């Protein structure tokens, strides 16, 4: 399987927020992530980086 896991980065610590992510989409003021199971989350933030070999999406919360 080629799905990724999504992590929030806060204070140099990564926290898993969703496994088996299928879609990562920009949305008004943030990022919408959707799993292969249909679970959805909206994070007010931006993509910090992608670890393609490790199947990881790193998201940083927006300031404020």
N, C-alpha and C. Protein backbone atom coordinates (compact mmCIF):
# COMPACT_ATOMS: atom_id res chain seq x y z
N UNK A 1 0.85 -1.18 0.00
CA UNK A 1 0.00 0.00 0.00
C UNK A 1 0.89 1.24 0.00
N UNK A 2 0.40 2.30 -0.59
CA UNK A 2 1.21 3.51 -0.73
C UNK A 2 0.66 4.70 0.05
N UNK A 3 -0.25 4.45 0.97
CA UNK A 3 -0.79 5.56 1.74
C UNK A 3 0.28 6.11 2.68
N UNK A 4 0.06 7.34 3.08
CA UNK A 4 1.00 8.00 3.99
C UNK A 4 0.35 8.16 5.36
N UNK A 5 1.14 8.51 6.32
CA UNK A 5 0.65 8.92 7.64
C UNK A 5 0.90 10.41 7.78
N UNK A 6 -0.03 11.11 8.44
CA UNK A 6 0.10 12.55 8.62
C UNK A 6 0.48 12.86 10.06
N UNK A 7 1.40 13.80 10.21
CA UNK A 7 1.90 14.19 11.52
C UNK A 7 1.83 15.71 11.67
N UNK A 8 1.53 16.16 12.88
CA UNK A 8 1.63 17.58 13.24
C UNK A 8 3.00 17.77 13.88
N UNK A 9 3.68 18.83 13.50
CA UNK A 9 4.97 19.17 14.12
C UNK A 9 4.75 20.38 15.04
N UNK A 10 5.01 20.17 16.33
CA UNK A 10 4.92 21.24 17.33
C UNK A 10 6.11 21.10 18.27
N UNK A 11 6.81 22.19 18.48
CA UNK A 11 7.96 22.20 19.40
C UNK A 11 8.95 21.08 19.07
N UNK A 12 9.26 20.93 17.80
CA UNK A 12 10.21 19.93 17.31
C UNK A 12 9.80 18.49 17.63
N UNK A 13 8.50 18.27 17.86
CA UNK A 13 7.97 16.93 18.13
C UNK A 13 6.91 16.61 17.08
N UNK A 14 6.95 15.39 16.55
CA UNK A 14 5.94 14.99 15.59
C UNK A 14 4.91 14.09 16.27
N UNK A 15 3.63 14.40 16.02
CA UNK A 15 2.52 13.65 16.60
C UNK A 15 1.64 13.12 15.48
N UNK A 16 1.40 11.83 15.46
CA UNK A 16 0.56 11.22 14.44
C UNK A 16 -0.87 11.72 14.58
N UNK A 17 -1.45 12.20 13.47
CA UNK A 17 -2.84 12.65 13.51
C UNK A 17 -3.75 11.81 12.62
N UNK A 18 -3.18 11.10 11.64
CA UNK A 18 -4.01 10.22 10.81
C UNK A 18 -3.14 9.21 10.09
N UNK A 19 -3.60 7.96 10.08
CA UNK A 19 -2.93 6.90 9.33
C UNK A 19 -3.67 6.68 8.02
N UNK A 20 -3.01 6.05 7.08
CA UNK A 20 -3.60 5.65 5.80
C UNK A 20 -4.21 6.84 5.05
N UNK A 21 -3.46 7.93 4.98
CA UNK A 21 -3.93 9.13 4.29
C UNK A 21 -3.89 8.90 2.78
N UNK A 22 -5.02 9.19 2.15
CA UNK A 22 -5.15 9.03 0.71
C UNK A 22 -5.08 10.36 -0.02
N UNK A 23 -5.64 11.41 0.59
CA UNK A 23 -5.67 12.73 -0.05
C UNK A 23 -5.19 13.81 0.91
N UNK A 24 -4.44 14.75 0.37
CA UNK A 24 -4.03 15.95 1.08
C UNK A 24 -4.38 17.10 0.15
N UNK A 25 -5.31 17.96 0.60
CA UNK A 25 -5.80 19.02 -0.27
C UNK A 25 -5.72 20.37 0.43
N UNK A 26 -5.29 21.40 -0.30
CA UNK A 26 -5.35 22.74 0.28
C UNK A 26 -6.82 23.14 0.41
N UNK A 27 -7.13 23.80 1.49
CA UNK A 27 -8.49 24.28 1.72
C UNK A 27 -8.35 25.69 2.27
N UNK A 28 -9.43 26.41 2.40
CA UNK A 28 -9.34 27.79 2.86
C UNK A 28 -8.67 27.87 4.22
N UNK A 29 -7.47 28.40 4.25
CA UNK A 29 -6.76 28.61 5.49
C UNK A 29 -6.13 27.38 6.10
N UNK A 30 -6.03 26.29 5.34
CA UNK A 30 -5.43 25.11 5.92
C UNK A 30 -5.33 23.93 4.96
N UNK A 31 -5.27 22.75 5.56
CA UNK A 31 -5.08 21.50 4.82
C UNK A 31 -6.18 20.53 5.23
N UNK A 32 -6.79 19.88 4.24
CA UNK A 32 -7.77 18.83 4.51
C UNK A 32 -7.10 17.51 4.17
N UNK A 33 -7.15 16.56 5.11
CA UNK A 33 -6.60 15.24 4.86
C UNK A 33 -7.73 14.22 4.94
N UNK A 34 -7.67 13.22 4.07
CA UNK A 34 -8.71 12.19 4.00
C UNK A 34 -8.04 10.83 3.97
N UNK A 35 -8.52 9.92 4.81
CA UNK A 35 -7.94 8.58 4.85
C UNK A 35 -8.64 7.68 3.83
N UNK A 36 -8.07 6.49 3.61
CA UNK A 36 -8.68 5.54 2.69
C UNK A 36 -10.01 5.02 3.23
N UNK A 37 -10.29 5.27 4.51
CA UNK A 37 -11.53 4.84 5.14
C UNK A 37 -12.59 5.94 5.14
N UNK A 38 -12.26 7.11 4.57
CA UNK A 38 -13.21 8.21 4.49
C UNK A 38 -13.14 9.19 5.66
N UNK A 39 -12.30 8.91 6.65
CA UNK A 39 -12.13 9.84 7.77
C UNK A 39 -11.51 11.13 7.24
N UNK A 40 -12.02 12.27 7.70
CA UNK A 40 -11.49 13.57 7.24
C UNK A 40 -11.12 14.43 8.43
N UNK A 41 -10.07 15.22 8.24
CA UNK A 41 -9.67 16.21 9.24
C UNK A 41 -9.24 17.47 8.51
N UNK A 42 -9.50 18.60 9.16
CA UNK A 42 -9.05 19.89 8.66
C UNK A 42 -8.10 20.48 9.67
N UNK A 43 -6.93 20.88 9.22
CA UNK A 43 -5.92 21.47 10.09
C UNK A 43 -5.60 22.86 9.58
N UNK A 44 -5.72 23.85 10.46
CA UNK A 44 -5.32 25.21 10.10
C UNK A 44 -3.80 25.24 10.15
N UNK A 45 -3.19 25.08 9.00
CA UNK A 45 -1.75 25.04 8.93
C UNK A 45 -1.29 24.86 7.50
N UNK A 46 -0.07 24.37 7.36
CA UNK A 46 0.53 24.22 6.03
C UNK A 46 1.43 23.00 6.02
N UNK A 47 1.70 22.49 4.84
CA UNK A 47 2.60 21.35 4.70
C UNK A 47 4.01 21.84 4.98
N UNK A 48 4.64 21.23 5.96
CA UNK A 48 6.02 21.56 6.32
C UNK A 48 6.98 20.80 5.42
N UNK A 49 6.73 19.50 5.24
CA UNK A 49 7.58 18.68 4.38
C UNK A 49 6.89 17.34 4.10
N UNK A 50 7.46 16.62 3.15
CA UNK A 50 6.98 15.29 2.80
C UNK A 50 8.14 14.32 2.89
N UNK A 51 7.93 13.20 3.52
CA UNK A 51 8.92 12.13 3.55
C UNK A 51 8.41 11.02 2.65
N UNK A 52 8.71 11.11 1.37
CA UNK A 52 8.10 10.21 0.40
C UNK A 52 8.53 8.76 0.57
N UNK A 53 9.77 8.51 0.87
CA UNK A 53 10.23 7.14 1.07
C UNK A 53 9.59 6.54 2.32
N UNK A 54 9.43 7.38 3.36
CA UNK A 54 8.84 6.93 4.62
C UNK A 54 7.32 7.05 4.65
N UNK A 55 6.72 7.60 3.59
CA UNK A 55 5.26 7.78 3.49
C UNK A 55 4.74 8.65 4.63
N UNK A 56 5.37 9.82 4.81
CA UNK A 56 4.97 10.73 5.88
C UNK A 56 4.68 12.12 5.33
N UNK A 57 3.62 12.73 5.86
CA UNK A 57 3.26 14.12 5.55
C UNK A 57 3.39 14.89 6.86
N UNK A 58 4.21 15.92 6.85
CA UNK A 58 4.42 16.74 8.05
C UNK A 58 3.68 18.06 7.89
N UNK A 59 2.86 18.39 8.87
CA UNK A 59 2.04 19.60 8.83
C UNK A 59 2.40 20.45 10.05
N UNK A 60 2.55 21.76 9.84
CA UNK A 60 2.76 22.69 10.94
C UNK A 60 1.49 23.53 11.06
N UNK A 61 1.05 23.74 12.29
CA UNK A 61 -0.13 24.57 12.53
C UNK A 61 0.20 26.01 12.21
N UNK A 62 -0.80 26.73 11.72
CA UNK A 62 -0.64 28.15 11.42
C UNK A 62 -0.53 28.92 12.73
N UNK A 63 0.25 29.99 12.71
CA UNK A 63 0.36 30.85 13.89
C UNK A 63 -0.95 31.59 14.10
N UNK A 64 -1.32 31.70 15.37
CA UNK A 64 -2.50 32.49 15.71
C UNK A 64 -3.71 31.74 15.96
